[in-house]
C-alpha atoms as a PDB file:
ATOM      1  CA  UNK A   1     164.456  88.641 117.581  1.00  0.00           C
ATOM      2  CA  UNK A   2     162.449  86.791 119.342  1.00  0.00           C
ATOM      3  CA  UNK A   3     160.022  84.015 117.992  1.00  0.00           C
ATOM      4  CA  UNK A   4     157.119  86.600 119.032  1.00  0.00           C
ATOM      5  CA  UNK A   5     157.847  89.179 117.401  1.00  0.00           C
ATOM      6  CA  UNK A   6     157.887  87.442 113.992  1.00  0.00           C
ATOM      7  CA  UNK A   7     153.803  86.856 114.269  1.00  0.00           C
ATOM      8  CA  UNK A   8     151.905  89.359 113.171  1.00  0.00           C
ATOM      9  CA  UNK A   9     149.404  90.460 114.831  1.00  0.00           C
ATOM     10  CA  UNK A  10     145.646  88.974 115.271  1.00  0.00           C
ATOM     11  CA  UNK A  11     144.290  92.413 114.811  1.00  0.00           C
ATOM     12  CA  UNK A  12     145.612  93.262 111.136  1.00  0.00           C
ATOM     13  CA  UNK A  13     143.944  90.506 110.189  1.00  0.00           C
ATOM     14  CA  UNK A  14     140.364  91.151 111.407  1.00  0.00           C
ATOM     15  CA  UNK A  15     141.059  94.592 110.063  1.00  0.00           C
ATOM     16  CA  UNK A  16     141.645  93.203 106.846  1.00  0.00           C
ATOM     17  CA  UNK A  17     138.312  91.087 106.777  1.00  0.00           C
ATOM     18  CA  UNK A  18     135.951  94.173 107.903  1.00  0.00           C
ATOM     19  CA  UNK A  19     137.016  96.568 105.556  1.00  0.00           C
ATOM     20  CA  UNK A  20     136.340  94.082 103.174  1.00  0.00           C
ATOM     21  CA  UNK A  21     132.896  93.304 105.218  1.00  0.00           C
ATOM     22  CA  UNK A  22     132.859  96.952 105.036  1.00  0.00           C
ATOM     23  CA  UNK A  23     133.005  96.955 101.670  1.00  0.00           C
ATOM     24  CA  UNK A  24     130.078  94.313 100.616  1.00  0.00           C
ATOM     25  CA  UNK A  25     127.800  95.585 103.691  1.00  0.00           C
ATOM     26  CA  UNK A  26     128.096  98.958 101.294  1.00  0.00           C
ATOM     27  CA  UNK A  27     127.171  97.591  98.111  1.00  0.00           C
ATOM     28  CA  UNK A  28     124.668  95.358  99.710  1.00  0.00           C
ATOM     29  CA  UNK A  29     122.929  98.347 100.589  1.00  0.00           C
ATOM     30  CA  UNK A  30     123.762 100.558  97.394  1.00  0.00           C
ATOM     31  CA  UNK A  31     122.064  97.824  96.051  1.00  0.00           C
ATOM     32  CA  UNK A  32     119.074  97.794  97.455  1.00  0.00           C
ATOM     33  CA  UNK A  33     118.542 102.063  97.701  1.00  0.00           C
ATOM     34  CA  UNK A  34     118.953 101.351  93.955  1.00  0.00           C
ATOM     35  CA  UNK A  35     116.015  98.518  93.247  1.00  0.00           C
ATOM     36  CA  UNK A  36     113.961 100.915  96.648  1.00  0.00           C
ATOM     37  CA  UNK A  37     114.420 103.333  93.722  1.00  0.00           C
ATOM     38  CA  UNK A  38     113.201 101.672  90.787  1.00  0.00           C
ATOM     39  CA  UNK A  39     109.900 100.211  92.549  1.00  0.00           C
ATOM     40  CA  UNK A  40     109.088 102.962  93.686  1.00  0.00           C
ATOM     41  CA  UNK A  41     109.524 105.462  90.205  1.00  0.00           C
ATOM     42  CA  UNK A  42     107.709 102.304  88.556  1.00  0.00           C
ATOM     43  CA  UNK A  43     104.506 102.190  91.228  1.00  0.00           C
ATOM     44  CA  UNK A  44     104.680 106.267  90.462  1.00  0.00           C
ATOM     45  CA  UNK A  45     104.148 105.590  86.945  1.00  0.00           C
ATOM     46  CA  UNK A  46     101.603 103.047  87.431  1.00  0.00           C
ATOM     47  CA  UNK A  47      99.285 105.757  89.951  1.00  0.00           C
ATOM     48  CA  UNK A  48      99.776 107.948  87.221  1.00  0.00           C
ATOM     49  CA  UNK A  49      98.141 105.902  84.639  1.00  0.00           C
ATOM     50  CA  UNK A  50      95.055 105.636  87.141  1.00  0.00           C
ATOM     51  CA  UNK A  51      95.245 109.696  87.318  1.00  0.00           C
ATOM     52  CA  UNK A  52      95.080 110.243  83.079  1.00  0.00           C
ATOM     53  CA  UNK A  53      92.334 110.751  81.276  1.00  0.00           C
ATOM     54  CA  UNK A  54      90.150 108.535  78.498  1.00  0.00           C
ATOM     55  CA  UNK A  55      92.151 110.164  75.337  1.00  0.00           C
ATOM     56  CA  UNK A  56      95.811 109.806  77.319  1.00  0.00           C
ATOM     57  CA  UNK A  57      95.234 106.102  77.489  1.00  0.00           C
ATOM     58  CA  UNK A  58      94.161 106.270  74.101  1.00  0.00           C
ATOM     59  CA  UNK A  59      97.109 108.243  72.653  1.00  0.00           C
ATOM     60  CA  UNK A  60      99.243 105.596  75.026  1.00  0.00           C
ATOM     61  CA  UNK A  61      97.337 102.794  73.459  1.00  0.00           C
ATOM     62  CA  UNK A  62      95.946 101.450  76.904  1.00  0.00           C
ATOM     63  CA  UNK A  63      92.114 100.630  77.790  1.00  0.00           C
ATOM     64  CA  UNK A  64      90.424 102.026  81.209  1.00  0.00           C
ATOM     65  CA  UNK A  65      90.641  98.833  81.854  1.00  0.00           C
ATOM     66  CA  UNK A  66      93.772  98.153  81.754  1.00  0.00           C
ATOM     67  CA  UNK A  67      95.055 101.610  82.915  1.00  0.00           C
ATOM     68  CA  UNK A  68      92.969 100.548  86.581  1.00  0.00           C
ATOM     69  CA  UNK A  69      94.685  96.983  86.139  1.00  0.00           C
ATOM     70  CA  UNK A  70      98.116  97.966  86.267  1.00  0.00           C
ATOM     71  CA  UNK A  71      97.527 101.060  88.786  1.00  0.00           C
ATOM     72  CA  UNK A  72      96.087  98.588  91.473  1.00  0.00           C
ATOM     73  CA  UNK A  73      99.164  96.064  91.426  1.00  0.00           C
ATOM     74  CA  UNK A  74     101.011  95.753  93.985  1.00  0.00           C
ATOM     75  CA  UNK A  75     104.443  97.785  94.870  1.00  0.00           C
ATOM     76  CA  UNK A  76     106.011  94.465  94.358  1.00  0.00           C
ATOM     77  CA  UNK A  77     105.173  93.403  91.761  1.00  0.00           C
END
């Protein structure tokens, strides 16, 4: 066996690194989708407050002003 045969080709090292990197990117994207879904759900419930009647708001225990203040908050708040 020659010296060249005993050296592992660099492609094997790159492929392992690339697999680890792909898993990291996939996990990051997955967490991004979870974060986005959480924000969208929060926004949806805030908008629902704006559509509630005064009686429904009273049942929940908040005033119309509190509902309005919460309903107009930014998507990122």
